[in-house]
């Protein structure tokens, strides 16, 4: 269900974020722009990996049901949303 961002898209997003930061007079930089951009890339990649893991856990919970549930069916979509949100909630509690 999740969709990966290509390296090009991640780089594009990181440049857009960096440009927005440069336009903000309240932001002060202590590193070279490319170092900051690379940190942004790393953060985006970590977020993508986190949400991919949550997606995987939600899918595994559906697949572990006694009754086979066809992917893409209404029941599958409802369970996926439920389990995905449960994992997000667990993550939120862990981060508190």
PDB file of N, CA and C in Angstrom:
ATOM      1  N   UNK A   1       0.829  -1.193   0.000  1.00  0.00           N
ATOM      2  CA  UNK A   1       0.000   0.000   0.000  1.00  0.00           C
ATOM      3  C   UNK A   1       0.875   1.258   0.000  1.00  0.00           C
ATOM      4  N   UNK A   2       2.031   1.181   0.643  1.00  0.00           N
ATOM      5  CA  UNK A   2       2.904   2.351   0.660  1.00  0.00           C
ATOM      6  C   UNK A   2       3.616   2.496  -0.679  1.00  0.00           C
ATOM      7  N   UNK A   3       4.040   3.710  -0.936  1.00  0.00           N
ATOM      8  CA  UNK A   3       4.700   3.991  -2.186  1.00  0.00           C
ATOM      9  C   UNK A   3       6.042   4.637  -1.877  1.00  0.00           C
ATOM     10  N   UNK A   4       7.103   4.065  -2.437  1.00  0.00           N
ATOM     11  CA  UNK A   4       8.438   4.587  -2.201  1.00  0.00           C
ATOM     12  C   UNK A   4       8.671   5.848  -3.010  1.00  0.00           C
ATOM     13  N   UNK A   5       9.430   6.759  -2.452  1.00  0.00           N
ATOM     14  CA  UNK A   5       9.877   7.929  -3.198  1.00  0.00           C
ATOM     15  C   UNK A   5      11.212   7.590  -3.838  1.00  0.00           C
ATOM     16  N   UNK A   6      11.373   7.996  -5.065  1.00  0.00           N
ATOM     17  CA  UNK A   6      12.651   7.757  -5.737  1.00  0.00           C
ATOM     18  C   UNK A   6      13.714   8.661  -5.125  1.00  0.00           C
ATOM     19  N   UNK A   7      14.949   8.313  -5.365  1.00  0.00           N
ATOM     20  CA  UNK A   7      16.075   9.125  -4.887  1.00  0.00           C
ATOM     21  C   UNK A   7      15.973  10.545  -5.437  1.00  0.00           C
ATOM     22  N   UNK A   8      15.554  10.648  -6.702  1.00  0.00           N
ATOM     23  CA  UNK A   8      15.418  11.960  -7.331  1.00  0.00           C
ATOM     24  C   UNK A   8      14.361  12.807  -6.624  1.00  0.00           C
ATOM     25  N   UNK A   9      13.238  12.182  -6.265  1.00  0.00           N
ATOM     26  CA  UNK A   9      12.176  12.914  -5.583  1.00  0.00           C
ATOM     27  C   UNK A   9      12.618  13.347  -4.189  1.00  0.00           C
ATOM     28  N   UNK A  10      13.339  12.477  -3.506  1.00  0.00           N
ATOM     29  CA  UNK A  10      13.837  12.831  -2.171  1.00  0.00           C
ATOM     30  C   UNK A  10      14.817  13.996  -2.274  1.00  0.00           C
ATOM     31  N   UNK A  11      15.700  13.950  -3.253  1.00  0.00           N
ATOM     32  CA  UNK A  11      16.645  15.057  -3.449  1.00  0.00           C
ATOM     33  C   UNK A  11      15.912  16.348  -3.794  1.00  0.00           C
ATOM     34  N   UNK A  12      14.896  16.245  -4.644  1.00  0.00           N
ATOM     35  CA  UNK A  12      14.105  17.416  -5.009  1.00  0.00           C
ATOM     36  C   UNK A  12      13.449  18.012  -3.764  1.00  0.00           C
ATOM     37  N   UNK A  13      12.818  17.160  -2.951  1.00  0.00           N
ATOM     38  CA  UNK A  13      12.172  17.632  -1.724  1.00  0.00           C
ATOM     39  C   UNK A  13      13.172  18.276  -0.771  1.00  0.00           C
ATOM     40  N   UNK A  14      14.342  17.668  -0.639  1.00  0.00           N
ATOM     41  CA  UNK A  14      15.346  18.221   0.281  1.00  0.00           C
ATOM     42  C   UNK A  14      15.792  19.605  -0.177  1.00  0.00           C
ATOM     43  N   UNK A  15      15.926  19.800  -1.483  1.00  0.00           N
ATOM     44  CA  UNK A  15      16.308  21.124  -2.015  1.00  0.00           C
ATOM     45  C   UNK A  15      15.196  22.142  -1.782  1.00  0.00           C
ATOM     46  N   UNK A  16      13.946  21.709  -1.941  1.00  0.00           N
ATOM     47  CA  UNK A  16      12.820  22.609  -1.707  1.00  0.00           C
ATOM     48  C   UNK A  16      12.756  23.037  -0.240  1.00  0.00           C
ATOM     49  N   UNK A  17      12.951  22.089   0.658  1.00  0.00           N
ATOM     50  CA  UNK A  17      12.945  22.393   2.097  1.00  0.00           C
ATOM     51  C   UNK A  17      14.086  23.343   2.433  1.00  0.00           C
ATOM     52  N   UNK A  18      15.272  23.057   1.917  1.00  0.00           N
ATOM     53  CA  UNK A  18      16.424  23.915   2.181  1.00  0.00           C
ATOM     54  C   UNK A  18      16.183  25.325   1.658  1.00  0.00           C
ATOM     55  N   UNK A  19      15.615  25.437   0.474  1.00  0.00           N
ATOM     56  CA  UNK A  19      15.316  26.762  -0.082  1.00  0.00           C
ATOM     57  C   UNK A  19      14.338  27.521   0.801  1.00  0.00           C
ATOM     58  N   UNK A  20      13.332  26.833   1.324  1.00  0.00           N
ATOM     59  CA  UNK A  20      12.375  27.478   2.220  1.00  0.00           C
ATOM     60  C   UNK A  20      13.059  27.957   3.503  1.00  0.00           C
ATOM     61  N   UNK A  21      13.975  27.162   4.003  1.00  0.00           N
ATOM     62  CA  UNK A  21      14.714  27.568   5.204  1.00  0.00           C
ATOM     63  C   UNK A  21      15.575  28.793   4.929  1.00  0.00           C
ATOM     64  N   UNK A  22      16.216  28.834   3.775  1.00  0.00           N
ATOM     65  CA  UNK A  22      17.046  29.980   3.412  1.00  0.00           C
ATOM     66  C   UNK A  22      16.230  31.257   3.281  1.00  0.00           C
ATOM     67  N   UNK A  23      14.978  31.134   2.868  1.00  0.00           N
ATOM     68  CA  UNK A  23      14.116  32.303   2.705  1.00  0.00           C
ATOM     69  C   UNK A  23      13.606  32.842   4.042  1.00  0.00           C
ATOM     70  N   UNK A  24      13.736  32.057   5.100  1.00  0.00           N
ATOM     71  CA  UNK A  24      13.263  32.459   6.420  1.00  0.00           C
ATOM     72  C   UNK A  24      14.392  33.180   7.163  1.00  0.00           C
ATOM     73  N   UNK A  25      14.189  34.456   7.430  1.00  0.00           N
ATOM     74  CA  UNK A  25      15.212  35.262   8.108  1.00  0.00           C
ATOM     75  C   UNK A  25      15.435  34.835   9.551  1.00  0.00           C
ATOM     76  N   UNK A  26      14.515  34.080  10.108  1.00  0.00           N
ATOM     77  CA  UNK A  26      14.638  33.664  11.500  1.00  0.00           C
ATOM     78  C   UNK A  26      15.476  32.400  11.663  1.00  0.00           C
ATOM     79  N   UNK A  27      15.869  31.777  10.554  1.00  0.00           N
ATOM     80  CA  UNK A  27      16.653  30.544  10.608  1.00  0.00           C
ATOM     81  C   UNK A  27      18.125  30.896  10.449  1.00  0.00           C
ATOM     82  N   UNK A  28      18.928  30.383  11.378  1.00  0.00           N
ATOM     83  CA  UNK A  28      20.367  30.618  11.338  1.00  0.00           C
ATOM     84  C   UNK A  28      21.058  29.287  11.027  1.00  0.00           C
ATOM     85  N   UNK A  29      22.033  29.328  10.132  1.00  0.00           N
ATOM     86  CA  UNK A  29      22.714  28.110   9.694  1.00  0.00           C
ATOM     87  C   UNK A  29      24.103  28.028  10.306  1.00  0.00           C
ATOM     88  N   UNK A  30      24.446  26.809  10.748  1.00  0.00           N
ATOM     89  CA  UNK A  30      25.758  26.581  11.333  1.00  0.00           C
ATOM     90  C   UNK A  30      26.570  25.579  10.531  1.00  0.00           C
ATOM     91  N   UNK A  31      25.982  25.028   9.477  1.00  0.00           N
ATOM     92  CA  UNK A  31      26.649  24.063   8.604  1.00  0.00           C
ATOM     93  C   UNK A  31      26.553  24.533   7.168  1.00  0.00           C
ATOM     94  N   UNK A  32      27.340  23.875   6.327  1.00  0.00           N
ATOM     95  CA  UNK A  32      27.287  24.159   4.896  1.00  0.00           C
ATOM     96  C   UNK A  32      25.928  23.721   4.347  1.00  0.00           C
ATOM     97  N   UNK A  33      25.426  24.413   3.333  1.00  0.00           N
ATOM     98  CA  UNK A  33      24.114  24.045   2.771  1.00  0.00           C
ATOM     99  C   UNK A  33      24.005  22.580   2.357  1.00  0.00           C
ATOM    100  N   UNK A  34      25.042  22.024   1.764  1.00  0.00           N
ATOM    101  CA  UNK A  34      24.943  20.629   1.339  1.00  0.00           C
ATOM    102  C   UNK A  34      24.860  19.682   2.534  1.00  0.00           C
ATOM    103  N   UNK A  35      25.544  20.005   3.612  1.00  0.00           N
ATOM    104  CA  UNK A  35      25.449  19.180   4.826  1.00  0.00           C
ATOM    105  C   UNK A  35      24.027  19.219   5.385  1.00  0.00           C
ATOM    106  N   UNK A  36      23.428  20.383   5.356  1.00  0.00           N
ATOM    107  CA  UNK A  36      22.051  20.527   5.830  1.00  0.00           C
ATOM    108  C   UNK A  36      21.119  19.738   4.925  1.00  0.00           C
ATOM    109  N   UNK A  37      21.312  19.856   3.611  1.00  0.00           N
ATOM    110  CA  UNK A  37      20.477  19.126   2.650  1.00  0.00           C
ATOM    111  C   UNK A  37      20.596  17.619   2.869  1.00  0.00           C
ATOM    112  N   UNK A  38      21.824  17.142   3.114  1.00  0.00           N
ATOM    113  CA  UNK A  38      22.028  15.707   3.358  1.00  0.00           C
ATOM    114  C   UNK A  38      21.320  15.256   4.639  1.00  0.00           C
ATOM    115  N   UNK A  39      21.289  16.122   5.640  1.00  0.00           N
ATOM    116  CA  UNK A  39      20.548  15.810   6.872  1.00  0.00           C
ATOM    117  C   UNK A  39      19.054  15.722   6.594  1.00  0.00           C
ATOM    118  N   UNK A  40      18.569  16.595   5.731  1.00  0.00           N
ATOM    119  CA  UNK A  40      17.159  16.566   5.352  1.00  0.00           C
ATOM    120  C   UNK A  40      16.856  15.270   4.611  1.00  0.00           C
ATOM    121  N   UNK A  41      17.740  14.885   3.676  1.00  0.00           N
ATOM    122  CA  UNK A  41      17.571  13.630   2.932  1.00  0.00           C
ATOM    123  C   UNK A  41      17.503  12.457   3.913  1.00  0.00           C
ATOM    124  N   UNK A  42      18.413  12.432   4.870  1.00  0.00           N
ATOM    125  CA  UNK A  42      18.440  11.347   5.850  1.00  0.00           C
ATOM    126  C   UNK A  42      17.139  11.297   6.655  1.00  0.00           C
ATOM    127  N   UNK A  43      16.639  12.451   7.051  1.00  0.00           N
ATOM    128  CA  UNK A  43      15.385  12.508   7.813  1.00  0.00           C
ATOM    129  C   UNK A  43      14.205  11.989   6.994  1.00  0.00           C
ATOM    130  N   UNK A  44      14.154  12.391   5.732  1.00  0.00           N
ATOM    131  CA  UNK A  44      13.072  11.911   4.855  1.00  0.00           C
ATOM    132  C   UNK A  44      13.151  10.394   4.713  1.00  0.00           C
ATOM    133  N   UNK A  45      14.351   9.884   4.483  1.00  0.00           N
ATOM    134  CA  UNK A  45      14.526   8.440   4.319  1.00  0.00           C
ATOM    135  C   UNK A  45      14.144   7.685   5.586  1.00  0.00           C
ATOM    136  N   UNK A  46      14.492   8.227   6.749  1.00  0.00           N
ATOM    137  CA  UNK A  46      14.127   7.580   8.011  1.00  0.00           C
ATOM    138  C   UNK A  46      12.612   7.546   8.195  1.00  0.00           C
ATOM    139  N   UNK A  47      11.934   8.636   7.837  1.00  0.00           N
ATOM    140  CA  UNK A  47      10.475   8.670   7.924  1.00  0.00           C
ATOM    141  C   UNK A  47       9.845   7.648   6.989  1.00  0.00           C
ATOM    142  N   UNK A  48      10.353   7.581   5.767  1.00  0.00           N
ATOM    143  CA  UNK A  48       9.839   6.611   4.797  1.00  0.00           C
ATOM    144  C   UNK A  48      10.018   5.195   5.330  1.00  0.00           C
ATOM    145  N   UNK A  49      11.190   4.905   5.881  1.00  0.00           N
ATOM    146  CA  UNK A  49      11.441   3.565   6.425  1.00  0.00           C
ATOM    147  C   UNK A  49      10.521   3.254   7.596  1.00  0.00           C
ATOM    148  N   UNK A  50      10.278   4.243   8.428  1.00  0.00           N
ATOM    149  CA  UNK A  50       9.380   4.049   9.570  1.00  0.00           C
ATOM    150  C   UNK A  50       7.971   3.718   9.100  1.00  0.00           C
ATOM    151  N   UNK A  51       7.464   4.490   8.156  1.00  0.00           N
ATOM    152  CA  UNK A  51       6.104   4.245   7.673  1.00  0.00           C
ATOM    153  C   UNK A  51       6.016   2.966   6.856  1.00  0.00           C
ATOM    154  N   UNK A  52       7.097   2.568   6.214  1.00  0.00           N
ATOM    155  CA  UNK A  52       7.124   1.280   5.516  1.00  0.00           C
ATOM    156  C   UNK A  52       7.032   0.137   6.515  1.00  0.00           C
ATOM    157  N   UNK A  53       7.712   0.278   7.647  1.00  0.00           N
ATOM    158  CA  UNK A  53       7.653  -0.732   8.696  1.00  0.00           C
ATOM    159  C   UNK A  53       6.235  -0.833   9.270  1.00  0.00           C
ATOM    160  N   UNK A  54       5.602   0.312   9.484  1.00  0.00           N
ATOM    161  CA  UNK A  54       4.227   0.318   9.991  1.00  0.00           C
ATOM    162  C   UNK A  54       3.301  -0.339   8.981  1.00  0.00           C
ATOM    163  N   UNK A  55       3.494  -0.040   7.701  1.00  0.00           N
ATOM    164  CA  UNK A  55       2.715  -0.659   6.632  1.00  0.00           C
ATOM    165  C   UNK A  55       2.887  -2.174   6.663  1.00  0.00           C
ATOM    166  N   UNK A  56       4.122  -2.619   6.816  1.00  0.00           N
ATOM    167  CA  UNK A  56       4.415  -4.053   6.842  1.00  0.00           C
ATOM    168  C   UNK A  56       3.729  -4.726   8.032  1.00  0.00           C
ATOM    169  N   UNK A  57       3.783  -4.095   9.203  1.00  0.00           N
ATOM    170  CA  UNK A  57       3.149  -4.663  10.391  1.00  0.00           C
ATOM    171  C   UNK A  57       1.639  -4.767  10.222  1.00  0.00           C
ATOM    172  N   UNK A  58       1.022  -3.731   9.655  1.00  0.00           N
ATOM    173  CA  UNK A  58      -0.423  -3.748   9.437  1.00  0.00           C
ATOM    174  C   UNK A  58      -0.796  -4.861   8.461  1.00  0.00           C
ATOM    175  N   UNK A  59      -0.032  -5.009   7.391  1.00  0.00           N
ATOM    176  CA  UNK A  59      -0.290  -6.047   6.398  1.00  0.00           C
ATOM    177  C   UNK A  59      -0.116  -7.436   7.010  1.00  0.00           C
ATOM    178  N   UNK A  60       0.923  -7.611   7.826  1.00  0.00           N
ATOM    179  CA  UNK A  60       1.152  -8.913   8.474  1.00  0.00           C
ATOM    180  C   UNK A  60      -0.001  -9.278   9.406  1.00  0.00           C
ATOM    181  N   UNK A  61      -0.557  -8.297  10.114  1.00  0.00           N
ATOM    182  CA  UNK A  61      -1.689  -8.568  11.008  1.00  0.00           C
ATOM    183  C   UNK A  61      -2.893  -9.064  10.200  1.00  0.00           C
ATOM    184  N   UNK A  62      -3.111  -8.459   9.043  1.00  0.00           N
ATOM    185  CA  UNK A  62      -4.232  -8.896   8.196  1.00  0.00           C
ATOM    186  C   UNK A  62      -3.986 -10.315   7.704  1.00  0.00           C
ATOM    187  N   UNK A  63      -2.766 -10.590   7.280  1.00  0.00           N
ATOM    188  CA  UNK A  63      -2.430 -11.908   6.750  1.00  0.00           C
ATOM    189  C   UNK A  63      -2.474 -12.986   7.823  1.00  0.00           C
ATOM    190  N   UNK A  64      -2.357 -12.598   9.090  1.00  0.00           N
ATOM    191  CA  UNK A  64      -2.374 -13.587  10.166  1.00  0.00           C
ATOM    192  C   UNK A  64      -3.791 -13.950  10.613  1.00  0.00           C
ATOM    193  N   UNK A  65      -4.794 -13.336  10.028  1.00  0.00           N
ATOM    194  CA  UNK A  65      -6.190 -13.649  10.366  1.00  0.00           C
ATOM    195  C   UNK A  65      -6.492 -15.099  10.001  1.00  0.00           C
ATOM    196  N   UNK A  66      -7.364 -15.726  10.762  1.00  0.00           N
ATOM    197  CA  UNK A  66      -7.768 -17.106  10.463  1.00  0.00           C
ATOM    198  C   UNK A  66      -8.454 -17.174   9.101  1.00  0.00           C
ATOM    199  N   UNK A  67      -9.273 -16.188   8.849  1.00  0.00           N
ATOM    200  CA  UNK A  67     -10.012 -16.132   7.584  1.00  0.00           C
ATOM    201  C   UNK A  67      -9.151 -15.373   6.561  1.00  0.00           C
ATOM    202  N   UNK A  68      -9.027 -15.927   5.374  1.00  0.00           N
ATOM    203  CA  UNK A  68      -8.276 -15.250   4.318  1.00  0.00           C
ATOM    204  C   UNK A  68      -9.053 -14.013   3.872  1.00  0.00           C
ATOM    205  N   UNK A  69      -8.355 -12.882   3.841  1.00  0.00           N
ATOM    206  CA  UNK A  69      -8.979 -11.623   3.443  1.00  0.00           C
ATOM    207  C   UNK A  69      -8.276 -11.137   2.182  1.00  0.00           C
ATOM    208  N   UNK A  70      -9.064 -10.933   1.160  1.00  0.00           N
ATOM    209  CA  UNK A  70      -8.498 -10.549  -0.127  1.00  0.00           C
ATOM    210  C   UNK A  70      -8.014  -9.100  -0.091  1.00  0.00           C
ATOM    211  N   UNK A  71      -6.750  -8.910  -0.463  1.00  0.00           N
ATOM    212  CA  UNK A  71      -6.189  -7.562  -0.494  1.00  0.00           C
ATOM    213  C   UNK A  71      -6.957  -6.716  -1.490  1.00  0.00           C
ATOM    214  N   UNK A  72      -7.261  -5.496  -1.071  1.00  0.00           N
ATOM    215  CA  UNK A  72      -8.020  -4.593  -1.925  1.00  0.00           C
ATOM    216  C   UNK A  72      -9.515  -4.621  -1.655  1.00  0.00           C
ATOM    217  N   UNK A  73      -9.958  -5.646  -0.925  1.00  0.00           N
ATOM    218  CA  UNK A  73     -11.384  -5.720  -0.595  1.00  0.00           C
ATOM    219  C   UNK A  73     -11.710  -4.661   0.462  1.00  0.00           C
ATOM    220  N   UNK A  74     -12.996  -4.383   0.601  1.00  0.00           N
ATOM    221  CA  UNK A  74     -13.429  -3.400   1.601  1.00  0.00           C
ATOM    222  C   UNK A  74     -12.989  -3.829   2.998  1.00  0.00           C
ATOM    223  N   UNK A  75     -13.141  -5.114   3.322  1.00  0.00           N
ATOM    224  CA  UNK A  75     -12.741  -5.626   4.638  1.00  0.00           C
ATOM    225  C   UNK A  75     -11.234  -5.428   4.857  1.00  0.00           C
ATOM    226  N   UNK A  76     -10.454  -5.716   3.823  1.00  0.00           N
ATOM    227  CA  UNK A  76      -9.003  -5.567   3.919  1.00  0.00           C
ATOM    228  C   UNK A  76      -8.650  -4.106   4.183  1.00  0.00           C
ATOM    229  N   UNK A  77      -9.287  -3.201   3.449  1.00  0.00           N
ATOM    230  CA  UNK A  77      -9.018  -1.766   3.607  1.00  0.00           C
ATOM    231  C   UNK A  77      -9.365  -1.287   5.022  1.00  0.00           C
ATOM    232  N   UNK A  78     -10.487  -1.745   5.546  1.00  0.00           N
ATOM    233  CA  UNK A  78     -10.905  -1.356   6.901  1.00  0.00           C
ATOM    234  C   UNK A  78      -9.905  -1.869   7.935  1.00  0.00           C
ATOM    235  N   UNK A  79      -9.535  -3.155   7.813  1.00  0.00           N
ATOM    236  CA  UNK A  79      -8.568  -3.723   8.757  1.00  0.00           C
ATOM    237  C   UNK A  79      -7.207  -3.041   8.632  1.00  0.00           C
ATOM    238  N   UNK A  80      -6.805  -2.781   7.408  1.00  0.00           N
ATOM    239  CA  UNK A  80      -5.508  -2.135   7.195  1.00  0.00           C
ATOM    240  C   UNK A  80      -5.492  -0.781   7.904  1.00  0.00           C
ATOM    241  N   UNK A  81      -6.508   0.018   7.694  1.00  0.00           N
ATOM    242  CA  UNK A  81      -6.581   1.334   8.331  1.00  0.00           C
ATOM    243  C   UNK A  81      -6.560   1.197   9.853  1.00  0.00           C
ATOM    244  N   UNK A  82      -7.307   0.218  10.363  1.00  0.00           N
ATOM    245  CA  UNK A  82      -7.370  -0.006  11.812  1.00  0.00           C
ATOM    246  C   UNK A  82      -5.985  -0.373  12.358  1.00  0.00           C
ATOM    247  N   UNK A  83      -5.353  -1.380  11.746  1.00  0.00           N
ATOM    248  CA  UNK A  83      -4.054  -1.835  12.239  1.00  0.00           C
ATOM    249  C   UNK A  83      -2.958  -0.792  12.028  1.00  0.00           C
ATOM    250  N   UNK A  84      -3.017  -0.074  10.926  1.00  0.00           N
ATOM    251  CA  UNK A  84      -2.043   0.990  10.645  1.00  0.00           C
ATOM    252  C   UNK A  84      -2.151   2.063  11.729  1.00  0.00           C
ATOM    253  N   UNK A  85      -3.382   2.478  12.024  1.00  0.00           N
ATOM    254  CA  UNK A  85      -3.588   3.497  13.059  1.00  0.00           C
ATOM    255  C   UNK A  85      -3.164   3.003  14.435  1.00  0.00           C
ATOM    256  N   UNK A  86      -3.379   1.721  14.717  1.00  0.00           N
ATOM    257  CA  UNK A  86      -2.918   1.155  15.987  1.00  0.00           C
ATOM    258  C   UNK A  86      -1.401   1.258  16.106  1.00  0.00           C
ATOM    259  N   UNK A  87      -0.694   0.942  15.031  1.00  0.00           N
ATOM    260  CA  UNK A  87       0.772   1.016  15.041  1.00  0.00           C
ATOM    261  C   UNK A  87       1.241   2.455  15.206  1.00  0.00           C
ATOM    262  N   UNK A  88       0.558   3.393  14.570  1.00  0.00           N
ATOM    263  CA  UNK A  88       0.893   4.821  14.714  1.00  0.00           C
ATOM    264  C   UNK A  88       0.694   5.245  16.165  1.00  0.00           C
ATOM    265  N   UNK A  89      -0.405   4.798  16.764  1.00  0.00           N
ATOM    266  CA  UNK A  89      -0.688   5.128  18.164  1.00  0.00           C
ATOM    267  C   UNK A  89       0.382   4.556  19.080  1.00  0.00           C
ATOM    268  N   UNK A  90       0.772   3.295  18.842  1.00  0.00           N
ATOM    269  CA  UNK A  90       1.845   2.675  19.639  1.00  0.00           C
ATOM    270  C   UNK A  90       3.130   3.484  19.511  1.00  0.00           C
ATOM    271  N   UNK A  91       3.445   3.898  18.315  1.00  0.00           N
ATOM    272  CA  UNK A  91       4.653   4.675  18.069  1.00  0.00           C
ATOM    273  C   UNK A  91       4.585   5.999  18.829  1.00  0.00           C
ATOM    274  N   UNK A  92       3.438   6.644  18.783  1.00  0.00           N
ATOM    275  CA  UNK A  92       3.260   7.914  19.500  1.00  0.00           C
ATOM    276  C   UNK A  92       3.477   7.755  20.991  1.00  0.00           C
ATOM    277  N   UNK A  93       2.952   6.675  21.557  1.00  0.00           N
ATOM    278  CA  UNK A  93       3.122   6.425  22.992  1.00  0.00           C
ATOM    279  C   UNK A  93       4.578   6.122  23.314  1.00  0.00           C
ATOM    280  N   UNK A  94       5.248   5.431  22.396  1.00  0.00           N
ATOM    281  CA  UNK A  94       6.660   5.103  22.595  1.00  0.00           C
ATOM    282  C   UNK A  94       7.510   6.370  22.577  1.00  0.00           C
ATOM    283  N   UNK A  95       7.158   7.337  21.734  1.00  0.00           N
ATOM    284  CA  UNK A  95       7.950   8.548  21.581  1.00  0.00           C
ATOM    285  C   UNK A  95       7.704   9.571  22.683  1.00  0.00           C
ATOM    286  N   UNK A  96       6.639   9.404  23.481  1.00  0.00           N
ATOM    287  CA  UNK A  96       6.328  10.365  24.545  1.00  0.00           C
ATOM    288  C   UNK A  96       7.331  10.337  25.653  1.00  0.00           C
TER     289      UNK A  96
END
